[in-house]
């Protein structure tokens, strides 16, 4: 049984030159880091105006990150692993119990 969810991989040259996959990998990693950093900045914003300006940038960076991820997934350069349904249900139950303990 194959546990991977992916599309057919678009082949790219495998030489020392950068290719589309290499560039998109760098862009995706940069956007992920930016989104994380904007999240920290939102938590530290000292006033509402600053908060909402950073939030606009955060939302746009998050949207771009998702678009790059989707493009990489479409080209088969990003794959996901299926998790066993029993494990998912167990994790869901554990998290639900933790939430209920906090209430």
PDB file of N, CA and C in Angstrom:
ATOM      1  N   UNK A   1       0.839  -1.181   0.000  1.00  0.00           N
ATOM      2  CA  UNK A   1       0.000   0.000   0.000  1.00  0.00           C
ATOM      3  C   UNK A   1       0.883   1.244   0.000  1.00  0.00           C
ATOM      4  N   UNK A   2       0.629   2.163  -0.925  1.00  0.00           N
ATOM      5  CA  UNK A   2       1.399   3.398  -1.034  1.00  0.00           C
ATOM      6  C   UNK A   2       0.829   4.445  -0.088  1.00  0.00           C
ATOM      7  N   UNK A   3       1.664   4.973   0.781  1.00  0.00           N
ATOM      8  CA  UNK A   3       1.231   5.962   1.763  1.00  0.00           C
ATOM      9  C   UNK A   3       1.472   7.392   1.312  1.00  0.00           C
ATOM     10  N   UNK A   4       1.856   7.579   0.057  1.00  0.00           N
ATOM     11  CA  UNK A   4       2.195   8.907  -0.434  1.00  0.00           C
ATOM     12  C   UNK A   4       1.074   9.478  -1.280  1.00  0.00           C
ATOM     13  N   UNK A   5       0.812  10.766  -1.051  1.00  0.00           N
ATOM     14  CA  UNK A   5      -0.137  11.510  -1.879  1.00  0.00           C
ATOM     15  C   UNK A   5       0.683  12.509  -2.679  1.00  0.00           C
ATOM     16  N   UNK A   6       0.675  12.357  -4.001  1.00  0.00           N
ATOM     17  CA  UNK A   6       1.454  13.265  -4.838  1.00  0.00           C
ATOM     18  C   UNK A   6       0.927  13.230  -6.262  1.00  0.00           C
ATOM     19  N   UNK A   7       1.427  14.156  -7.056  1.00  0.00           N
ATOM     20  CA  UNK A   7       1.128  14.200  -8.478  1.00  0.00           C
ATOM     21  C   UNK A   7       2.318  13.655  -9.245  1.00  0.00           C
ATOM     22  N   UNK A   8       2.148  13.466 -10.535  1.00  0.00           N
ATOM     23  CA  UNK A   8       3.249  13.011 -11.377  1.00  0.00           C
ATOM     24  C   UNK A   8       4.321  14.084 -11.374  1.00  0.00           C
ATOM     25  N   UNK A   9       5.549  13.664 -11.102  1.00  0.00           N
ATOM     26  CA  UNK A   9       6.658  14.608 -10.972  1.00  0.00           C
ATOM     27  C   UNK A   9       7.075  15.145 -12.329  1.00  0.00           C
ATOM     28  N   UNK A  10       7.102  16.470 -12.436  1.00  0.00           N
ATOM     29  CA  UNK A  10       7.623  17.121 -13.633  1.00  0.00           C
ATOM     30  C   UNK A  10       9.143  17.079 -13.538  1.00  0.00           C
ATOM     31  N   UNK A  11       9.763  16.461 -14.507  1.00  0.00           N
ATOM     32  CA  UNK A  11      11.220  16.308 -14.473  1.00  0.00           C
ATOM     33  C   UNK A  11      11.909  17.642 -14.741  1.00  0.00           C
ATOM     34  N   UNK A  12      13.001  17.840 -14.026  1.00  0.00           N
ATOM     35  CA  UNK A  12      13.828  19.032 -14.200  1.00  0.00           C
ATOM     36  C   UNK A  12      15.257  18.566 -14.421  1.00  0.00           C
ATOM     37  N   UNK A  13      16.071  19.385 -15.063  1.00  0.00           N
ATOM     38  CA  UNK A  13      17.466  18.984 -15.299  1.00  0.00           C
ATOM     39  C   UNK A  13      18.185  18.704 -13.984  1.00  0.00           C
ATOM     40  N   UNK A  14      19.007  17.675 -13.984  1.00  0.00           N
ATOM     41  CA  UNK A  14      19.759  17.341 -12.776  1.00  0.00           C
ATOM     42  C   UNK A  14      21.239  17.623 -13.004  1.00  0.00           C
ATOM     43  N   UNK A  15      21.529  18.904 -13.180  1.00  0.00           N
ATOM     44  CA  UNK A  15      22.917  19.317 -13.327  1.00  0.00           C
ATOM     45  C   UNK A  15      23.226  20.365 -12.264  1.00  0.00           C
ATOM     46  N   UNK A  16      24.310  21.068 -12.418  1.00  0.00           N
ATOM     47  CA  UNK A  16      24.704  22.032 -11.388  1.00  0.00           C
ATOM     48  C   UNK A  16      23.951  23.353 -11.482  1.00  0.00           C
ATOM     49  N   UNK A  17      23.204  23.565 -12.555  1.00  0.00           N
ATOM     50  CA  UNK A  17      22.427  24.794 -12.703  1.00  0.00           C
ATOM     51  C   UNK A  17      21.130  24.699 -11.910  1.00  0.00           C
ATOM     52  N   UNK A  18      20.692  25.830 -11.415  1.00  0.00           N
ATOM     53  CA  UNK A  18      19.411  25.858 -10.708  1.00  0.00           C
ATOM     54  C   UNK A  18      18.279  25.664 -11.701  1.00  0.00           C
ATOM     55  N   UNK A  19      17.229  24.983 -11.263  1.00  0.00           N
ATOM     56  CA  UNK A  19      16.069  24.748 -12.114  1.00  0.00           C
ATOM     57  C   UNK A  19      14.816  25.287 -11.418  1.00  0.00           C
ATOM     58  N   UNK A  20      13.678  25.126 -12.065  1.00  0.00           N
ATOM     59  CA  UNK A  20      12.423  25.657 -11.513  1.00  0.00           C
ATOM     60  C   UNK A  20      12.133  25.113 -10.114  1.00  0.00           C
ATOM     61  N   UNK A  21      12.377  23.836  -9.918  1.00  0.00           N
ATOM     62  CA  UNK A  21      12.125  23.233  -8.604  1.00  0.00           C
ATOM     63  C   UNK A  21      13.022  23.867  -7.544  1.00  0.00           C
ATOM     64  N   UNK A  22      14.285  24.077  -7.861  1.00  0.00           N
ATOM     65  CA  UNK A  22      15.216  24.691  -6.918  1.00  0.00           C
ATOM     66  C   UNK A  22      14.756  26.102  -6.535  1.00  0.00           C
ATOM     67  N   UNK A  23      14.386  26.877  -7.540  1.00  0.00           N
ATOM     68  CA  UNK A  23      13.932  28.245  -7.277  1.00  0.00           C
ATOM     69  C   UNK A  23      12.667  28.250  -6.411  1.00  0.00           C
ATOM     70  N   UNK A  24      11.706  27.409  -6.770  1.00  0.00           N
ATOM     71  CA  UNK A  24      10.454  27.387  -5.997  1.00  0.00           C
ATOM     72  C   UNK A  24      10.667  26.864  -4.578  1.00  0.00           C
ATOM     73  N   UNK A  25      11.591  25.944  -4.406  1.00  0.00           N
ATOM     74  CA  UNK A  25      11.908  25.460  -3.063  1.00  0.00           C
ATOM     75  C   UNK A  25      12.438  26.609  -2.206  1.00  0.00           C
ATOM     76  N   UNK A  26      13.320  27.423  -2.772  1.00  0.00           N
ATOM     77  CA  UNK A  26      13.856  28.582  -2.046  1.00  0.00           C
ATOM     78  C   UNK A  26      12.761  29.605  -1.743  1.00  0.00           C
ATOM     79  N   UNK A  27      11.912  29.859  -2.723  1.00  0.00           N
ATOM     80  CA  UNK A  27      10.826  30.816  -2.529  1.00  0.00           C
ATOM     81  C   UNK A  27       9.877  30.320  -1.442  1.00  0.00           C
ATOM     82  N   UNK A  28       9.510  29.047  -1.491  1.00  0.00           N
ATOM     83  CA  UNK A  28       8.594  28.492  -0.495  1.00  0.00           C
ATOM     84  C   UNK A  28       9.192  28.575   0.904  1.00  0.00           C
ATOM     85  N   UNK A  29      10.445  28.217   1.042  1.00  0.00           N
ATOM     86  CA  UNK A  29      11.106  28.259   2.348  1.00  0.00           C
ATOM     87  C   UNK A  29      11.175  29.692   2.877  1.00  0.00           C
ATOM     88  N   UNK A  30      11.480  30.635   2.003  1.00  0.00           N
ATOM     89  CA  UNK A  30      11.533  32.044   2.396  1.00  0.00           C
ATOM     90  C   UNK A  30      10.158  32.538   2.839  1.00  0.00           C
ATOM     91  N   UNK A  31       9.131  32.193   2.082  1.00  0.00           N
ATOM     92  CA  UNK A  31       7.774  32.622   2.446  1.00  0.00           C
ATOM     93  C   UNK A  31       7.327  32.001   3.764  1.00  0.00           C
ATOM     94  N   UNK A  32       7.644  30.737   3.984  1.00  0.00           N
ATOM     95  CA  UNK A  32       7.294  30.092   5.256  1.00  0.00           C
ATOM     96  C   UNK A  32       7.958  30.829   6.420  1.00  0.00           C
ATOM     97  N   UNK A  33       9.229  31.157   6.267  1.00  0.00           N
ATOM     98  CA  UNK A  33       9.937  31.880   7.320  1.00  0.00           C
ATOM     99  C   UNK A  33       9.351  33.281   7.526  1.00  0.00           C
ATOM    100  N   UNK A  34       9.008  33.956   6.432  1.00  0.00           N
ATOM    101  CA  UNK A  34       8.408  35.282   6.547  1.00  0.00           C
ATOM    102  C   UNK A  34       7.074  35.223   7.292  1.00  0.00           C
ATOM    103  N   UNK A  35       6.247  34.251   6.950  1.00  0.00           N
ATOM    104  CA  UNK A  35       4.947  34.112   7.615  1.00  0.00           C
ATOM    105  C   UNK A  35       5.152  33.887   9.113  1.00  0.00           C
ATOM    106  N   UNK A  36       6.105  33.046   9.469  1.00  0.00           N
ATOM    107  CA  UNK A  36       6.397  32.821  10.891  1.00  0.00           C
ATOM    108  C   UNK A  36       6.848  34.109  11.568  1.00  0.00           C
ATOM    109  N   UNK A  37       7.726  34.858  10.916  1.00  0.00           N
ATOM    110  CA  UNK A  37       8.222  36.096  11.510  1.00  0.00           C
ATOM    111  C   UNK A  37       7.129  37.154  11.624  1.00  0.00           C
ATOM    112  N   UNK A  38       6.262  37.247  10.626  1.00  0.00           N
ATOM    113  CA  UNK A  38       5.145  38.194  10.719  1.00  0.00           C
ATOM    114  C   UNK A  38       4.203  37.808  11.856  1.00  0.00           C
ATOM    115  N   UNK A  39       4.070  36.526  12.100  1.00  0.00           N
ATOM    116  CA  UNK A  39       3.249  36.068  13.216  1.00  0.00           C
ATOM    117  C   UNK A  39       3.808  36.589  14.541  1.00  0.00           C
ATOM    118  N   UNK A  40       5.139  36.499  14.695  1.00  0.00           N
ATOM    119  CA  UNK A  40       5.768  37.044  15.897  1.00  0.00           C
ATOM    120  C   UNK A  40       5.541  38.555  15.988  1.00  0.00           C
ATOM    121  N   UNK A  41       5.691  39.236  14.851  1.00  0.00           N
ATOM    122  CA  UNK A  41       5.514  40.690  14.840  1.00  0.00           C
ATOM    123  C   UNK A  41       4.086  41.070  15.230  1.00  0.00           C
ATOM    124  N   UNK A  42       3.106  40.286  14.790  1.00  0.00           N
ATOM    125  CA  UNK A  42       1.714  40.559  15.173  1.00  0.00           C
ATOM    126  C   UNK A  42       1.539  40.459  16.680  1.00  0.00           C
ATOM    127  N   UNK A  43       2.180  39.475  17.281  1.00  0.00           N
ATOM    128  CA  UNK A  43       2.076  39.311  18.733  1.00  0.00           C
ATOM    129  C   UNK A  43       2.732  40.456  19.492  1.00  0.00           C
ATOM    130  N   UNK A  44       3.705  41.091  18.881  1.00  0.00           N
ATOM    131  CA  UNK A  44       4.453  42.153  19.551  1.00  0.00           C
ATOM    132  C   UNK A  44       4.011  43.559  19.146  1.00  0.00           C
ATOM    133  N   UNK A  45       3.067  43.678  18.224  1.00  0.00           N
ATOM    134  CA  UNK A  45       2.653  44.995  17.736  1.00  0.00           C
ATOM    135  C   UNK A  45       2.182  45.879  18.888  1.00  0.00           C
ATOM    136  N   UNK A  46       2.678  47.106  18.910  1.00  0.00           N
ATOM    137  CA  UNK A  46       2.425  47.992  20.044  1.00  0.00           C
ATOM    138  C   UNK A  46       1.155  48.822  19.914  1.00  0.00           C
ATOM    139  N   UNK A  47       0.600  48.908  18.716  1.00  0.00           N
ATOM    140  CA  UNK A  47      -0.662  49.653  18.567  1.00  0.00           C
ATOM    141  C   UNK A  47      -1.480  49.071  17.427  1.00  0.00           C
ATOM    142  N   UNK A  48      -2.725  49.481  17.352  1.00  0.00           N
ATOM    143  CA  UNK A  48      -3.649  48.896  16.372  1.00  0.00           C
ATOM    144  C   UNK A  48      -3.241  49.176  14.930  1.00  0.00           C
ATOM    145  N   UNK A  49      -2.798  50.392  14.639  1.00  0.00           N
ATOM    146  CA  UNK A  49      -2.413  50.726  13.275  1.00  0.00           C
ATOM    147  C   UNK A  49      -1.280  49.816  12.808  1.00  0.00           C
ATOM    148  N   UNK A  50      -0.254  49.683  13.634  1.00  0.00           N
ATOM    149  CA  UNK A  50       0.875  48.814  13.313  1.00  0.00           C
ATOM    150  C   UNK A  50       0.413  47.372  13.149  1.00  0.00           C
ATOM    151  N   UNK A  51      -0.447  46.909  14.058  1.00  0.00           N
ATOM    152  CA  UNK A  51      -0.957  45.544  13.988  1.00  0.00           C
ATOM    153  C   UNK A  51      -1.644  45.287  12.645  1.00  0.00           C
ATOM    154  N   UNK A  52      -2.539  46.184  12.239  1.00  0.00           N
ATOM    155  CA  UNK A  52      -3.302  45.944  11.010  1.00  0.00           C
ATOM    156  C   UNK A  52      -2.431  46.052   9.762  1.00  0.00           C
ATOM    157  N   UNK A  53      -1.405  46.892   9.780  1.00  0.00           N
ATOM    158  CA  UNK A  53      -0.478  46.956   8.642  1.00  0.00           C
ATOM    159  C   UNK A  53       0.316  45.650   8.522  1.00  0.00           C
ATOM    160  N   UNK A  54       0.801  45.163   9.654  1.00  0.00           N
ATOM    161  CA  UNK A  54       1.540  43.896   9.637  1.00  0.00           C
ATOM    162  C   UNK A  54       0.607  42.753   9.241  1.00  0.00           C
ATOM    163  N   UNK A  55      -0.636  42.799   9.682  1.00  0.00           N
ATOM    164  CA  UNK A  55      -1.619  41.757   9.356  1.00  0.00           C
ATOM    165  C   UNK A  55      -1.859  41.684   7.848  1.00  0.00           C
ATOM    166  N   UNK A  56      -1.917  42.844   7.198  1.00  0.00           N
ATOM    167  CA  UNK A  56      -2.086  42.864   5.738  1.00  0.00           C
ATOM    168  C   UNK A  56      -0.919  42.151   5.048  1.00  0.00           C
ATOM    169  N   UNK A  57       0.290  42.443   5.508  1.00  0.00           N
ATOM    170  CA  UNK A  57       1.484  41.813   4.933  1.00  0.00           C
ATOM    171  C   UNK A  57       1.479  40.317   5.236  1.00  0.00           C
ATOM    172  N   UNK A  58       1.124  39.960   6.464  1.00  0.00           N
ATOM    173  CA  UNK A  58       1.035  38.556   6.866  1.00  0.00           C
ATOM    174  C   UNK A  58       0.071  37.794   5.964  1.00  0.00           C
ATOM    175  N   UNK A  59      -1.115  38.357   5.759  1.00  0.00           N
ATOM    176  CA  UNK A  59      -2.126  37.691   4.928  1.00  0.00           C
ATOM    177  C   UNK A  59      -1.633  37.488   3.497  1.00  0.00           C
ATOM    178  N   UNK A  60      -0.984  38.495   2.939  1.00  0.00           N
ATOM    179  CA  UNK A  60      -0.484  38.392   1.570  1.00  0.00           C
ATOM    180  C   UNK A  60       0.640  37.363   1.472  1.00  0.00           C
ATOM    181  N   UNK A  61       1.564  37.373   2.429  1.00  0.00           N
ATOM    182  CA  UNK A  61       2.659  36.401   2.421  1.00  0.00           C
ATOM    183  C   UNK A  61       2.127  34.985   2.599  1.00  0.00           C
ATOM    184  N   UNK A  62       1.128  34.832   3.453  1.00  0.00           N
ATOM    185  CA  UNK A  62       0.519  33.520   3.679  1.00  0.00           C
ATOM    186  C   UNK A  62      -0.160  33.015   2.412  1.00  0.00           C
ATOM    187  N   UNK A  63      -0.838  33.908   1.716  1.00  0.00           N
ATOM    188  CA  UNK A  63      -1.504  33.540   0.459  1.00  0.00           C
ATOM    189  C   UNK A  63      -0.465  33.129  -0.592  1.00  0.00           C
ATOM    190  N   UNK A  64       0.618  33.894  -0.697  1.00  0.00           N
ATOM    191  CA  UNK A  64       1.676  33.556  -1.661  1.00  0.00           C
ATOM    192  C   UNK A  64       2.309  32.214  -1.326  1.00  0.00           C
ATOM    193  N   UNK A  65       2.544  31.974  -0.030  1.00  0.00           N
ATOM    194  CA  UNK A  65       3.137  30.709   0.398  1.00  0.00           C
ATOM    195  C   UNK A  65       2.261  29.541  -0.033  1.00  0.00           C
ATOM    196  N   UNK A  66       0.961  29.691   0.145  1.00  0.00           N
ATOM    197  CA  UNK A  66       0.031  28.625  -0.228  1.00  0.00           C
ATOM    198  C   UNK A  66       0.024  28.398  -1.736  1.00  0.00           C
ATOM    199  N   UNK A  67       0.083  29.492  -2.502  1.00  0.00           N
ATOM    200  CA  UNK A  67       0.099  29.378  -3.964  1.00  0.00           C
ATOM    201  C   UNK A  67       1.365  28.668  -4.459  1.00  0.00           C
ATOM    202  N   UNK A  68       2.504  28.980  -3.867  1.00  0.00           N
ATOM    203  CA  UNK A  68       3.756  28.321  -4.253  1.00  0.00           C
ATOM    204  C   UNK A  68       3.704  26.845  -3.875  1.00  0.00           C
ATOM    205  N   UNK A  69       3.205  26.553  -2.665  1.00  0.00           N
ATOM    206  CA  UNK A  69       3.049  25.154  -2.252  1.00  0.00           C
ATOM    207  C   UNK A  69       2.167  24.399  -3.249  1.00  0.00           C
ATOM    208  N   UNK A  70       1.020  24.980  -3.606  1.00  0.00           N
ATOM    209  CA  UNK A  70       0.105  24.314  -4.549  1.00  0.00           C
ATOM    210  C   UNK A  70       0.774  24.083  -5.903  1.00  0.00           C
ATOM    211  N   UNK A  71       1.566  25.048  -6.370  1.00  0.00           N
ATOM    212  CA  UNK A  71       2.273  24.889  -7.640  1.00  0.00           C
ATOM    213  C   UNK A  71       3.289  23.749  -7.551  1.00  0.00           C
ATOM    214  N   UNK A  72       4.013  23.691  -6.440  1.00  0.00           N
ATOM    215  CA  UNK A  72       4.992  22.610  -6.273  1.00  0.00           C
ATOM    216  C   UNK A  72       4.295  21.255  -6.162  1.00  0.00           C
ATOM    217  N   UNK A  73       3.183  21.206  -5.460  1.00  0.00           N
ATOM    218  CA  UNK A  73       2.429  19.956  -5.343  1.00  0.00           C
ATOM    219  C   UNK A  73       1.911  19.520  -6.714  1.00  0.00           C
ATOM    220  N   UNK A  74       1.383  20.478  -7.477  1.00  0.00           N
ATOM    221  CA  UNK A  74       0.852  20.191  -8.817  1.00  0.00           C
ATOM    222  C   UNK A  74       1.931  19.597  -9.718  1.00  0.00           C
ATOM    223  N   UNK A  75       3.173  20.080  -9.575  1.00  0.00           N
ATOM    224  CA  UNK A  75       4.273  19.602 -10.405  1.00  0.00           C
ATOM    225  C   UNK A  75       4.938  18.347  -9.846  1.00  0.00           C
ATOM    226  N   UNK A  76       4.417  17.821  -8.738  1.00  0.00           N
ATOM    227  CA  UNK A  76       4.963  16.595  -8.172  1.00  0.00           C
ATOM    228  C   UNK A  76       6.244  16.796  -7.379  1.00  0.00           C
ATOM    229  N   UNK A  77       6.560  18.055  -7.033  1.00  0.00           N
ATOM    230  CA  UNK A  77       7.783  18.355  -6.299  1.00  0.00           C
ATOM    231  C   UNK A  77       7.554  18.411  -4.796  1.00  0.00           C
ATOM    232  N   UNK A  78       6.355  18.211  -4.381  1.00  0.00           N
ATOM    233  CA  UNK A  78       5.996  18.206  -2.959  1.00  0.00           C
ATOM    234  C   UNK A  78       5.004  17.077  -2.782  1.00  0.00           C
ATOM    235  N   UNK A  79       5.238  16.215  -1.820  1.00  0.00           N
ATOM    236  CA  UNK A  79       4.310  15.109  -1.591  1.00  0.00           C
ATOM    237  C   UNK A  79       3.941  15.048  -0.112  1.00  0.00           C
ATOM    238  N   UNK A  80       2.876  14.375   0.171  1.00  0.00           N
ATOM    239  CA  UNK A  80       2.373  14.210   1.530  1.00  0.00           C
ATOM    240  C   UNK A  80       2.289  12.723   1.843  1.00  0.00           C
ATOM    241  N   UNK A  81       2.295  12.404   3.111  1.00  0.00           N
ATOM    242  CA  UNK A  81       2.139  11.016   3.530  1.00  0.00           C
ATOM    243  C   UNK A  81       0.764  10.817   4.152  1.00  0.00           C
ATOM    244  N   UNK A  82       0.095   9.763   3.709  1.00  0.00           N
ATOM    245  CA  UNK A  82      -1.176   9.412   4.321  1.00  0.00           C
ATOM    246  C   UNK A  82      -0.905   8.827   5.694  1.00  0.00           C
ATOM    247  N   UNK A  83      -1.760   9.156   6.638  1.00  0.00           N
ATOM    248  CA  UNK A  83      -1.624   8.579   7.974  1.00  0.00           C
ATOM    249  C   UNK A  83      -2.719   7.540   8.154  1.00  0.00           C
ATOM    250  N   UNK A  84      -2.411   6.536   8.911  1.00  0.00           N
ATOM    251  CA  UNK A  84      -3.363   5.482   9.211  1.00  0.00           C
ATOM    252  C   UNK A  84      -4.586   6.083   9.904  1.00  0.00           C
ATOM    253  N   UNK A  85      -5.778   5.700   9.466  1.00  0.00           N
ATOM    254  CA  UNK A  85      -7.018   6.265  10.003  1.00  0.00           C
ATOM    255  C   UNK A  85      -7.148   6.051  11.510  1.00  0.00           C
ATOM    256  N   UNK A  86      -6.692   4.918  11.993  1.00  0.00           N
ATOM    257  CA  UNK A  86      -6.757   4.633  13.425  1.00  0.00           C
ATOM    258  C   UNK A  86      -5.899   5.631  14.200  1.00  0.00           C
ATOM    259  N   UNK A  87      -4.698   5.920  13.701  1.00  0.00           N
ATOM    260  CA  UNK A  87      -3.824   6.884  14.365  1.00  0.00           C
ATOM    261  C   UNK A  87      -4.434   8.282  14.368  1.00  0.00           C
ATOM    262  N   UNK A  88      -5.074   8.658  13.275  1.00  0.00           N
ATOM    263  CA  UNK A  88      -5.724   9.966  13.203  1.00  0.00           C
ATOM    264  C   UNK A  88      -6.838  10.057  14.239  1.00  0.00           C
ATOM    265  N   UNK A  89      -7.641   9.011  14.343  1.00  0.00           N
ATOM    266  CA  UNK A  89      -8.732   9.002  15.324  1.00  0.00           C
ATOM    267  C   UNK A  89      -8.191   9.042  16.750  1.00  0.00           C
ATOM    268  N   UNK A  90      -7.097   8.316  17.003  1.00  0.00           N
ATOM    269  CA  UNK A  90      -6.491   8.331  18.337  1.00  0.00           C
ATOM    270  C   UNK A  90      -5.984   9.731  18.685  1.00  0.00           C
ATOM    271  N   UNK A  91      -5.316  10.372  17.747  1.00  0.00           N
ATOM    272  CA  UNK A  91      -4.794  11.724  17.981  1.00  0.00           C
ATOM    273  C   UNK A  91      -5.939  12.701  18.209  1.00  0.00           C
ATOM    274  N   UNK A  92      -6.987  12.582  17.415  1.00  0.00           N
ATOM    275  CA  UNK A  92      -8.156  13.443  17.575  1.00  0.00           C
ATOM    276  C   UNK A  92      -8.747  13.268  18.963  1.00  0.00           C
ATOM    277  N   UNK A  93      -8.868  12.045  19.400  1.00  0.00           N
ATOM    278  CA  UNK A  93      -9.410  11.751  20.728  1.00  0.00           C
ATOM    279  C   UNK A  93      -8.516  12.340  21.825  1.00  0.00           C
ATOM    280  N   UNK A  94      -7.205  12.179  21.684  1.00  0.00           N
ATOM    281  CA  UNK A  94      -6.271  12.734  22.671  1.00  0.00           C
ATOM    282  C   UNK A  94      -6.403  14.251  22.757  1.00  0.00           C
ATOM    283  N   UNK A  95      -6.458  14.916  21.615  1.00  0.00           N
ATOM    284  CA  UNK A  95      -6.565  16.372  21.616  1.00  0.00           C
ATOM    285  C   UNK A  95      -7.915  16.834  22.170  1.00  0.00           C
ATOM    286  N   UNK A  96      -8.966  16.103  21.853  1.00  0.00           N
ATOM    287  CA  UNK A  96     -10.282  16.436  22.380  1.00  0.00           C
ATOM    288  C   UNK A  96     -10.281  16.316  23.899  1.00  0.00           C
ATOM    289  N   UNK A  97      -9.660  15.264  24.421  1.00  0.00           N
ATOM    290  CA  UNK A  97      -9.557  15.104  25.867  1.00  0.00           C
ATOM    291  C   UNK A  97      -8.768  16.255  26.516  1.00  0.00           C
ATOM    292  N   UNK A  98      -7.706  16.668  25.886  1.00  0.00           N
ATOM    293  CA  UNK A  98      -6.906  17.782  26.424  1.00  0.00           C
ATOM    294  C   UNK A  98      -7.710  19.082  26.431  1.00  0.00           C
ATOM    295  N   UNK A  99      -8.467  19.309  25.388  1.00  0.00           N
ATOM    296  CA  UNK A  99      -9.308  20.509  25.335  1.00  0.00           C
ATOM    297  C   UNK A  99     -10.354  20.463  26.452  1.00  0.00           C
ATOM    298  N   UNK A 100     -10.950  19.302  26.628  1.00  0.00           N
ATOM    299  CA  UNK A 100     -11.969  19.166  27.678  1.00  0.00           C
ATOM    300  C   UNK A 100     -11.371  19.357  29.073  1.00  0.00           C
ATOM    301  N   UNK A 101     -10.126  18.944  29.258  1.00  0.00           N
ATOM    302  CA  UNK A 101      -9.463  19.157  30.550  1.00  0.00           C
ATOM    303  C   UNK A 101      -9.259  20.642  30.833  1.00  0.00           C
ATOM    304  N   UNK A 102      -9.056  21.423  29.785  1.00  0.00           N
ATOM    305  CA  UNK A 102      -8.844  22.859  29.965  1.00  0.00           C
ATOM    306  C   UNK A 102     -10.134  23.617  30.264  1.00  0.00           C
ATOM    307  N   UNK A 103     -11.249  23.034  29.916  1.00  0.00           N
ATOM    308  CA  UNK A 103     -12.534  23.723  30.105  1.00  0.00           C
ATOM    309  C   UNK A 103     -12.976  23.730  31.546  1.00  0.00           C
TER     310      UNK A 103
END
